[in-house]
Amino acid sequence: MDYTVQKLASLAGVSTRTLRYYDEVGILKPARINSSGYRIYGQQEVDRLQQILFYRELGLSLDHIKAIVTDPNFDGNKALKEHRQQLIEKRKQLDRLIANVEKTIAASEGRINMSNKEKFEGFKKRLIEDNEKKYGKEVREKYGDEKVDQSNAKLMNMTQEQYEEVTALAEQVTQTLAEAFKTGNPAGELAQKAADLHRKWLTYYWKEYSKEAHAGLAQMYVDDERFTAYYDKEQPGTAEFLRDAILIYTGQKQ
């Protein structure tokens, strides 16, 4: 069955403007343009739109989605199975959060006692799961399962005070790095302060710190496009700037 822009938009619950934009950026082209100049979509395009919307629901950027669905080796059936597993994991996380809320309600009503550690377990687990999903394979290959598992365990065992400290420290790293980037000097005082704050932030997660591992992580920020995208989202080039600052800080670059 063929669909016009309006019919496909109505079927999928998206706007016609969205479909036109997907066409413009090359993520979802119509099967053809008819004699009247209307975009016409077939079954293949319907299936692709479903995949795109699945990925959007999982929080992927359009650029990332485009890279996936336009890959010559893209396997739609395999992708659906991956979607299913990701949704199952998402459901597990929601179940944990619901259980946490229910315990909090019961505690506030005096029916049970709830420790401060229990109040934040769900959020910590979500952070670990998100990191594993995004970066787990690469980080485990670089540092080994034991070190990653130790880091995850250290996070789960953080007190609420420590968790608040590391969260505030992460924000301080971001702010200092942004200011340092404006100077253009990775060896400057601000950049080196950002590198030192980054080291302090790492010590909350790593069992033991080493300059070599710190430098290796900084290089990964540049080598892996997902890390680069995270650091470059406000100011392109920030990932490389941070890498250079850390290499200087650790003595790996003069």
C-alpha atoms as a PDB file:
ATOM      1  CA  MET A   1       0.000   0.000   0.000  1.00  0.00           C
ATOM      2  CA  ASP A   2       1.225   3.470  -0.852  1.00  0.00           C
ATOM      3  CA  TYR A   3       0.976   6.509   1.401  1.00  0.00           C
ATOM      4  CA  THR A   4       1.158  10.234   0.846  1.00  0.00           C
ATOM      5  CA  VAL A   5       2.923  12.401   3.403  1.00  0.00           C
ATOM      6  CA  GLN A   6      -0.362  13.216   5.113  1.00  0.00           C
ATOM      7  CA  LYS A   7      -1.525   9.588   5.256  1.00  0.00           C
ATOM      8  CA  LEU A   8       1.784   8.283   6.565  1.00  0.00           C
ATOM      9  CA  ALA A   9       1.982  11.084   9.123  1.00  0.00           C
ATOM     10  CA  SER A  10      -1.519  10.219  10.332  1.00  0.00           C
ATOM     11  CA  LEU A  11      -0.703   6.504  10.463  1.00  0.00           C
ATOM     12  CA  ALA A  12       2.532   7.002  12.428  1.00  0.00           C
ATOM     13  CA  GLY A  13       1.352   9.812  14.693  1.00  0.00           C
ATOM     14  CA  VAL A  14       3.974  12.290  13.510  1.00  0.00           C
ATOM     15  CA  SER A  15       3.666  15.613  11.734  1.00  0.00           C
ATOM     16  CA  THR A  16       3.979  16.055   7.982  1.00  0.00           C
ATOM     17  CA  ARG A  17       6.712  18.556   8.748  1.00  0.00           C
ATOM     18  CA  THR A  18       8.687  15.773  10.467  1.00  0.00           C
ATOM     19  CA  LEU A  19       8.451  13.530   7.406  1.00  0.00           C
ATOM     20  CA  ARG A  20       9.537  16.339   5.118  1.00  0.00           C
ATOM     21  CA  TYR A  21      12.476  17.048   7.408  1.00  0.00           C
ATOM     22  CA  TYR A  22      13.452  13.359   7.409  1.00  0.00           C
ATOM     23  CA  ASP A  23      13.457  13.540   3.616  1.00  0.00           C
ATOM     24  CA  GLU A  24      15.605  16.682   3.616  1.00  0.00           C
ATOM     25  CA  VAL A  25      18.266  15.195   5.894  1.00  0.00           C
ATOM     26  CA  GLY A  26      18.254  11.894   4.012  1.00  0.00           C
ATOM     27  CA  ILE A  27      17.082   9.635   6.790  1.00  0.00           C
ATOM     28  CA  LEU A  28      13.752   8.706   5.168  1.00  0.00           C
ATOM     29  CA  LYS A  29      13.342   9.329   1.461  1.00  0.00           C
ATOM     30  CA  PRO A  30       9.979   8.665  -0.262  1.00  0.00           C
ATOM     31  CA  ALA A  31       9.812   5.734  -2.651  1.00  0.00           C
ATOM     32  CA  ARG A  32       8.994   8.156  -5.449  1.00  0.00           C
ATOM     33  CA  ILE A  33       7.531  11.518  -6.361  1.00  0.00           C
ATOM     34  CA  ASN A  34       4.288  11.224  -8.352  1.00  0.00           C
ATOM     35  CA  SER A  35       3.279  13.298 -11.369  1.00  0.00           C
ATOM     36  CA  SER A  36       1.607  15.851  -9.095  1.00  0.00           C
ATOM     37  CA  GLY A  37       4.810  16.348  -7.106  1.00  0.00           C
ATOM     38  CA  TYR A  38       3.630  14.476  -3.997  1.00  0.00           C
ATOM     39  CA  ARG A  39       5.944  12.270  -1.961  1.00  0.00           C
ATOM     40  CA  ILE A  40       4.805   8.649  -2.057  1.00  0.00           C
ATOM     41  CA  TYR A  41       5.903   6.099   0.537  1.00  0.00           C
ATOM     42  CA  GLY A  42       5.764   2.317   0.217  1.00  0.00           C
ATOM     43  CA  GLN A  43       6.068  -0.576   2.661  1.00  0.00           C
ATOM     44  CA  GLN A  44       9.838  -0.321   2.855  1.00  0.00           C
ATOM     45  CA  GLU A  45       9.585   3.322   3.925  1.00  0.00           C
ATOM     46  CA  VAL A  46       6.868   2.491   6.462  1.00  0.00           C
ATOM     47  CA  ASP A  47       9.163  -0.123   8.019  1.00  0.00           C
ATOM     48  CA  ARG A  48      12.065   2.314   8.049  1.00  0.00           C
ATOM     49  CA  LEU A  49       9.944   4.980   9.755  1.00  0.00           C
ATOM     50  CA  GLN A  50       9.015   2.460  12.443  1.00  0.00           C
ATOM     51  CA  GLN A  51      12.721   1.784  13.039  1.00  0.00           C
ATOM     52  CA  ILE A  52      13.473   5.504  13.211  1.00  0.00           C
ATOM     53  CA  LEU A  53      10.719   6.082  15.759  1.00  0.00           C
ATOM     54  CA  PHE A  54      11.948   3.137  17.833  1.00  0.00           C
ATOM     55  CA  TYR A  55      15.419   4.655  17.955  1.00  0.00           C
ATOM     56  CA  ARG A  56      14.012   8.093  18.750  1.00  0.00           C
ATOM     57  CA  GLU A  57      12.091   6.590  21.654  1.00  0.00           C
ATOM     58  CA  LEU A  58      15.352   5.134  22.937  1.00  0.00           C
ATOM     59  CA  GLY A  59      16.922   8.597  22.898  1.00  0.00           C
ATOM     60  CA  LEU A  60      19.298   8.349  19.920  1.00  0.00           C
ATOM     61  CA  SER A  61      20.135  11.471  17.919  1.00  0.00           C
ATOM     62  CA  LEU A  62      19.009  11.755  14.299  1.00  0.00           C
ATOM     63  CA  ASP A  63      22.625  11.706  13.101  1.00  0.00           C
ATOM     64  CA  HIS A  64      23.216   8.454  14.967  1.00  0.00           C
ATOM     65  CA  ILE A  65      19.975   6.955  13.662  1.00  0.00           C
ATOM     66  CA  LYS A  66      20.838   7.960  10.103  1.00  0.00           C
ATOM     67  CA  ALA A  67      24.232   6.266  10.396  1.00  0.00           C
ATOM     68  CA  ILE A  68      22.512   3.080  11.568  1.00  0.00           C
ATOM     69  CA  VAL A  69      19.604   2.793   9.122  1.00  0.00           C
ATOM     70  CA  THR A  70      21.591   3.869   6.052  1.00  0.00           C
ATOM     71  CA  ASP A  71      24.379   1.383   6.742  1.00  0.00           C
ATOM     72  CA  PRO A  72      24.491  -1.155   3.857  1.00  0.00           C
ATOM     73  CA  ASN A  73      24.747  -3.922   6.462  1.00  0.00           C
ATOM     74  CA  PHE A  74      21.693  -2.749   8.410  1.00  0.00           C
ATOM     75  CA  ASP A  75      19.574  -5.757   9.412  1.00  0.00           C
ATOM     76  CA  GLY A  76      15.984  -4.723  10.183  1.00  0.00           C
ATOM     77  CA  ASN A  77      15.052  -7.977  11.917  1.00  0.00           C
ATOM     78  CA  LYS A  78      18.168  -7.919  14.088  1.00  0.00           C
ATOM     79  CA  ALA A  79      17.430  -4.293  14.946  1.00  0.00           C
ATOM     80  CA  LEU A  80      13.918  -5.205  16.070  1.00  0.00           C
ATOM     81  CA  LYS A  81      15.311  -7.862  18.403  1.00  0.00           C
ATOM     82  CA  GLU A  82      17.732  -5.294  19.815  1.00  0.00           C
ATOM     83  CA  HIS A  83      14.847  -2.845  20.264  1.00  0.00           C
ATOM     84  CA  ARG A  84      12.934  -5.486  22.176  1.00  0.00           C
ATOM     85  CA  GLN A  85      15.859  -6.149  24.521  1.00  0.00           C
ATOM     86  CA  GLN A  86      16.402  -2.434  25.106  1.00  0.00           C
ATOM     87  CA  LEU A  87      12.730  -1.930  25.877  1.00  0.00           C
ATOM     88  CA  ILE A  88      12.820  -4.860  28.306  1.00  0.00           C
ATOM     89  CA  GLU A  89      15.766  -3.217  30.076  1.00  0.00           C
ATOM     90  CA  LYS A  90      13.892   0.084  30.107  1.00  0.00           C
ATOM     91  CA  ARG A  91      10.871  -1.665  31.633  1.00  0.00           C
ATOM     92  CA  LYS A  92      13.083  -3.206  34.322  1.00  0.00           C
ATOM     93  CA  GLN A  93      14.407   0.233  35.186  1.00  0.00           C
ATOM     94  CA  LEU A  94      10.878   1.650  35.387  1.00  0.00           C
ATOM     95  CA  ASP A  95       9.856  -1.260  37.621  1.00  0.00           C
ATOM     96  CA  ARG A  96      12.775  -0.468  39.940  1.00  0.00           C
ATOM     97  CA  LEU A  97      11.857   3.212  40.051  1.00  0.00           C
ATOM     98  CA  ILE A  98       8.205   2.374  40.754  1.00  0.00           C
ATOM     99  CA  ALA A  99       9.269   0.018  43.541  1.00  0.00           C
ATOM    100  CA  ASN A 100      11.524   2.744  44.930  1.00  0.00           C
ATOM    101  CA  VAL A 101       8.666   5.276  44.894  1.00  0.00           C
ATOM    102  CA  GLU A 102       6.330   2.792  46.573  1.00  0.00           C
ATOM    103  CA  LYS A 103       8.905   2.140  49.329  1.00  0.00           C
ATOM    104  CA  THR A 104       9.381   5.877  49.767  1.00  0.00           C
ATOM    105  CA  ILE A 105       5.615   6.364  50.154  1.00  0.00           C
ATOM    106  CA  ALA A 106       5.454   3.510  52.667  1.00  0.00           C
ATOM    107  CA  ALA A 107       8.386   5.017  54.587  1.00  0.00           C
ATOM    108  CA  SER A 108       6.808   8.472  54.641  1.00  0.00           C
ATOM    109  CA  GLU A 109       3.621   6.929  56.019  1.00  0.00           C
ATOM    110  CA  GLY A 110       5.576   5.150  58.742  1.00  0.00           C
ATOM    111  CA  ARG A 111       4.816   1.643  57.502  1.00  0.00           C
ATOM    112  CA  ILE A 112       8.479   0.714  56.836  1.00  0.00           C
ATOM    113  CA  ASN A 113      11.973   2.046  57.486  1.00  0.00           C
ATOM    114  CA  MET A 114      14.000   3.088  54.428  1.00  0.00           C
ATOM    115  CA  SER A 115      17.701   3.884  54.555  1.00  0.00           C
ATOM    116  CA  ASN A 116      19.157   6.809  52.642  1.00  0.00           C
ATOM    117  CA  LYS A 117      21.156   4.323  50.570  1.00  0.00           C
ATOM    118  CA  GLU A 118      17.960   2.584  49.456  1.00  0.00           C
ATOM    119  CA  LYS A 119      16.443   5.894  48.355  1.00  0.00           C
ATOM    120  CA  PHE A 120      19.047   6.344  45.647  1.00  0.00           C
ATOM    121  CA  GLU A 121      19.781   2.765  44.543  1.00  0.00           C
ATOM    122  CA  GLY A 122      17.439   2.979  41.572  1.00  0.00           C
ATOM    123  CA  PHE A 123      19.140   6.076  40.199  1.00  0.00           C
ATOM    124  CA  LYS A 124      22.610   4.579  40.603  1.00  0.00           C
ATOM    125  CA  LYS A 125      21.559   1.397  38.819  1.00  0.00           C
ATOM    126  CA  ARG A 126      20.137   3.466  35.977  1.00  0.00           C
ATOM    127  CA  LEU A 127      23.437   5.338  35.611  1.00  0.00           C
ATOM    128  CA  ILE A 128      25.384   2.079  35.493  1.00  0.00           C
ATOM    129  CA  GLU A 129      23.009   0.551  32.960  1.00  0.00           C
ATOM    130  CA  ASP A 130      23.112   3.626  30.732  1.00  0.00           C
ATOM    131  CA  ASN A 131      26.915   3.658  30.792  1.00  0.00           C
ATOM    132  CA  GLU A 132      27.078  -0.066  30.034  1.00  0.00           C
ATOM    133  CA  LYS A 133      24.683   0.341  27.120  1.00  0.00           C
ATOM    134  CA  LYS A 134      26.527   3.302  25.608  1.00  0.00           C
ATOM    135  CA  TYR A 135      30.175   2.584  26.381  1.00  0.00           C
ATOM    136  CA  GLY A 136      30.410  -0.794  28.110  1.00  0.00           C
ATOM    137  CA  LYS A 137      31.913  -2.773  25.231  1.00  0.00           C
ATOM    138  CA  GLU A 138      34.683  -0.286  24.482  1.00  0.00           C
ATOM    139  CA  VAL A 139      35.546   0.444  28.114  1.00  0.00           C
ATOM    140  CA  ARG A 140      35.632  -3.249  29.042  1.00  0.00           C
ATOM    141  CA  GLU A 141      37.873  -4.016  26.074  1.00  0.00           C
ATOM    142  CA  LYS A 142      40.245  -1.217  27.105  1.00  0.00           C
ATOM    143  CA  TYR A 143      40.322  -1.729  30.886  1.00  0.00           C
ATOM    144  CA  GLY A 144      39.002  -5.264  31.433  1.00  0.00           C
ATOM    145  CA  ASP A 145      35.884  -6.617  33.141  1.00  0.00           C
ATOM    146  CA  GLU A 146      37.410  -6.575  36.615  1.00  0.00           C
ATOM    147  CA  LYS A 147      38.169  -2.846  36.646  1.00  0.00           C
ATOM    148  CA  VAL A 148      34.767  -1.935  35.193  1.00  0.00           C
ATOM    149  CA  ASP A 149      32.961  -4.165  37.696  1.00  0.00           C
ATOM    150  CA  GLN A 150      34.973  -2.602  40.533  1.00  0.00           C
ATOM    151  CA  SER A 151      34.009   0.864  39.299  1.00  0.00           C
ATOM    152  CA  ASN A 152      30.318  -0.079  39.175  1.00  0.00           C
ATOM    153  CA  ALA A 153      30.502  -1.560  42.663  1.00  0.00           C
ATOM    154  CA  LYS A 154      32.169   1.602  43.958  1.00  0.00           C
ATOM    155  CA  LEU A 155      29.297   3.678  42.558  1.00  0.00           C
ATOM    156  CA  MET A 156      26.645   1.417  44.105  1.00  0.00           C
ATOM    157  CA  ASN A 157      28.377   1.659  47.489  1.00  0.00           C
ATOM    158  CA  MET A 158      28.602   5.454  47.476  1.00  0.00           C
ATOM    159  CA  THR A 159      26.954   7.235  50.341  1.00  0.00           C
ATOM    160  CA  GLN A 160      24.438   9.920  49.468  1.00  0.00           C
ATOM    161  CA  GLU A 161      26.994  12.528  50.522  1.00  0.00           C
ATOM    162  CA  GLN A 162      29.589  11.078  48.145  1.00  0.00           C
ATOM    163  CA  TYR A 163      27.044  10.860  45.338  1.00  0.00           C
ATOM    164  CA  GLU A 164      26.177  14.528  45.772  1.00  0.00           C
ATOM    165  CA  GLU A 165      29.879  15.419  45.869  1.00  0.00           C
ATOM    166  CA  VAL A 166      30.700  13.610  42.620  1.00  0.00           C
ATOM    167  CA  THR A 167      27.635  15.057  40.900  1.00  0.00           C
ATOM    168  CA  ALA A 168      28.682  18.576  41.904  1.00  0.00           C
ATOM    169  CA  LEU A 169      32.262  17.817  40.854  1.00  0.00           C
ATOM    170  CA  ALA A 170      31.102  16.707  37.393  1.00  0.00           C
ATOM    171  CA  GLU A 171      29.332  20.038  36.964  1.00  0.00           C
ATOM    172  CA  GLN A 172      32.472  21.858  38.106  1.00  0.00           C
ATOM    173  CA  VAL A 173      34.529  19.977  35.514  1.00  0.00           C
ATOM    174  CA  THR A 174      32.087  20.996  32.780  1.00  0.00           C
ATOM    175  CA  GLN A 175      32.039  24.657  33.782  1.00  0.00           C
ATOM    176  CA  THR A 176      35.818  24.939  34.206  1.00  0.00           C
ATOM    177  CA  LEU A 177      36.447  23.126  30.929  1.00  0.00           C
ATOM    178  CA  ALA A 178      34.095  25.487  29.085  1.00  0.00           C
ATOM    179  CA  GLU A 179      35.948  28.511  30.429  1.00  0.00           C
ATOM    180  CA  ALA A 180      39.343  26.948  29.721  1.00  0.00           C
ATOM    181  CA  PHE A 181      38.344  26.131  26.144  1.00  0.00           C
ATOM    182  CA  LYS A 182      37.804  29.836  25.476  1.00  0.00           C
ATOM    183  CA  THR A 183      41.469  30.491  26.262  1.00  0.00           C
ATOM    184  CA  GLY A 184      42.575  28.048  23.574  1.00  0.00           C
ATOM    185  CA  ASN A 185      45.488  26.949  25.757  1.00  0.00           C
ATOM    186  CA  PRO A 186      45.376  23.349  27.093  1.00  0.00           C
ATOM    187  CA  ALA A 187      48.534  24.035  29.096  1.00  0.00           C
ATOM    188  CA  GLY A 188      47.051  27.108  30.756  1.00  0.00           C
ATOM    189  CA  GLU A 189      46.013  27.436  34.374  1.00  0.00           C
ATOM    190  CA  LEU A 190      42.296  26.967  33.742  1.00  0.00           C
ATOM    191  CA  ALA A 191      42.798  23.946  31.494  1.00  0.00           C
ATOM    192  CA  GLN A 192      45.087  22.295  34.012  1.00  0.00           C
ATOM    193  CA  LYS A 193      42.550  23.003  36.739  1.00  0.00           C
ATOM    194  CA  ALA A 194      39.924  21.256  34.593  1.00  0.00           C
ATOM    195  CA  ALA A 195      42.252  18.266  34.162  1.00  0.00           C
ATOM    196  CA  ASP A 196      42.839  18.105  37.932  1.00  0.00           C
ATOM    197  CA  LEU A 197      39.106  18.276  38.623  1.00  0.00           C
ATOM    198  CA  HIS A 198      38.617  15.510  36.084  1.00  0.00           C
ATOM    199  CA  ARG A 199      41.153  13.392  37.990  1.00  0.00           C
ATOM    200  CA  LYS A 200      39.305  14.005  41.253  1.00  0.00           C
ATOM    201  CA  TRP A 201      36.040  13.044  39.562  1.00  0.00           C
ATOM    202  CA  LEU A 202      37.575   9.788  38.343  1.00  0.00           C
ATOM    203  CA  THR A 203      38.743   8.800  41.834  1.00  0.00           C
ATOM    204  CA  TYR A 204      35.102   8.476  42.884  1.00  0.00           C
ATOM    205  CA  TYR A 205      34.700   5.672  40.347  1.00  0.00           C
ATOM    206  CA  TRP A 206      38.118   4.076  39.938  1.00  0.00           C
ATOM    207  CA  LYS A 207      39.532   1.771  42.582  1.00  0.00           C
ATOM    208  CA  GLU A 208      42.979   3.205  41.915  1.00  0.00           C
ATOM    209  CA  TYR A 209      44.183   6.092  39.766  1.00  0.00           C
ATOM    210  CA  SER A 210      47.079   6.070  37.326  1.00  0.00           C
ATOM    211  CA  LYS A 211      48.306   8.760  34.974  1.00  0.00           C
ATOM    212  CA  GLU A 212      48.515   6.245  32.135  1.00  0.00           C
ATOM    213  CA  ALA A 213      44.881   5.187  32.534  1.00  0.00           C
ATOM    214  CA  HIS A 214      43.796   8.829  32.795  1.00  0.00           C
ATOM    215  CA  ALA A 215      45.621   9.671  29.561  1.00  0.00           C
ATOM    216  CA  GLY A 216      44.150   6.587  27.888  1.00  0.00           C
ATOM    217  CA  LEU A 217      40.632   7.626  28.833  1.00  0.00           C
ATOM    218  CA  ALA A 218      41.260  11.132  27.504  1.00  0.00           C
ATOM    219  CA  GLN A 219      42.349   9.670  24.168  1.00  0.00           C
ATOM    220  CA  MET A 220      39.172   7.583  24.067  1.00  0.00           C
ATOM    221  CA  TYR A 221      37.158  10.801  24.342  1.00  0.00           C
ATOM    222  CA  VAL A 222      38.576  11.720  20.923  1.00  0.00           C
ATOM    223  CA  ASP A 223      38.699   8.270  19.323  1.00  0.00           C
ATOM    224  CA  ASP A 224      35.107   7.330  20.150  1.00  0.00           C
ATOM    225  CA  GLU A 225      32.564   9.568  18.411  1.00  0.00           C
ATOM    226  CA  ARG A 226      30.007   9.100  21.198  1.00  0.00           C
ATOM    227  CA  PHE A 227      32.355  10.539  23.818  1.00  0.00           C
ATOM    228  CA  THR A 228      33.359  13.273  21.388  1.00  0.00           C
ATOM    229  CA  ALA A 229      29.715  14.162  20.737  1.00  0.00           C
ATOM    230  CA  TYR A 230      29.092  14.438  24.489  1.00  0.00           C
ATOM    231  CA  TYR A 231      31.952  16.849  25.107  1.00  0.00           C
ATOM    232  CA  ASP A 232      31.517  18.757  21.831  1.00  0.00           C
ATOM    233  CA  LYS A 233      27.759  19.321  22.120  1.00  0.00           C
ATOM    234  CA  GLU A 234      28.171  22.936  23.277  1.00  0.00           C
ATOM    235  CA  GLN A 235      31.598  23.801  21.851  1.00  0.00           C
ATOM    236  CA  PRO A 236      33.031  21.655  19.014  1.00  0.00           C
ATOM    237  CA  GLY A 237      36.634  20.773  19.699  1.00  0.00           C
ATOM    238  CA  THR A 238      36.200  20.475  23.473  1.00  0.00           C
ATOM    239  CA  ALA A 239      36.984  16.735  23.518  1.00  0.00           C
ATOM    240  CA  GLU A 240      40.352  17.281  21.833  1.00  0.00           C
ATOM    241  CA  PHE A 241      41.072  20.239  24.101  1.00  0.00           C
ATOM    242  CA  LEU A 242      40.345  18.145  27.202  1.00  0.00           C
ATOM    243  CA  ARG A 243      42.470  15.303  25.821  1.00  0.00           C
ATOM    244  CA  ASP A 244      45.408  17.654  25.290  1.00  0.00           C
ATOM    245  CA  ALA A 245      44.985  19.219  28.743  1.00  0.00           C
ATOM    246  CA  ILE A 246      44.962  15.794  30.395  1.00  0.00           C
ATOM    247  CA  LEU A 247      47.970  14.582  28.390  1.00  0.00           C
ATOM    248  CA  ILE A 248      49.892  17.641  29.584  1.00  0.00           C
ATOM    249  CA  TYR A 249      48.586  17.175  33.161  1.00  0.00           C
ATOM    250  CA  THR A 250      49.688  13.533  33.242  1.00  0.00           C
ATOM    251  CA  GLY A 251      53.048  14.259  31.628  1.00  0.00           C
ATOM    252  CA  GLN A 252      52.196  12.324  28.486  1.00  0.00           C
ATOM    253  CA  LYS A 253      52.527  15.437  26.296  1.00  0.00           C
ATOM    254  CA  GLN A 254      54.932  18.298  26.670  1.00  0.00           C
END
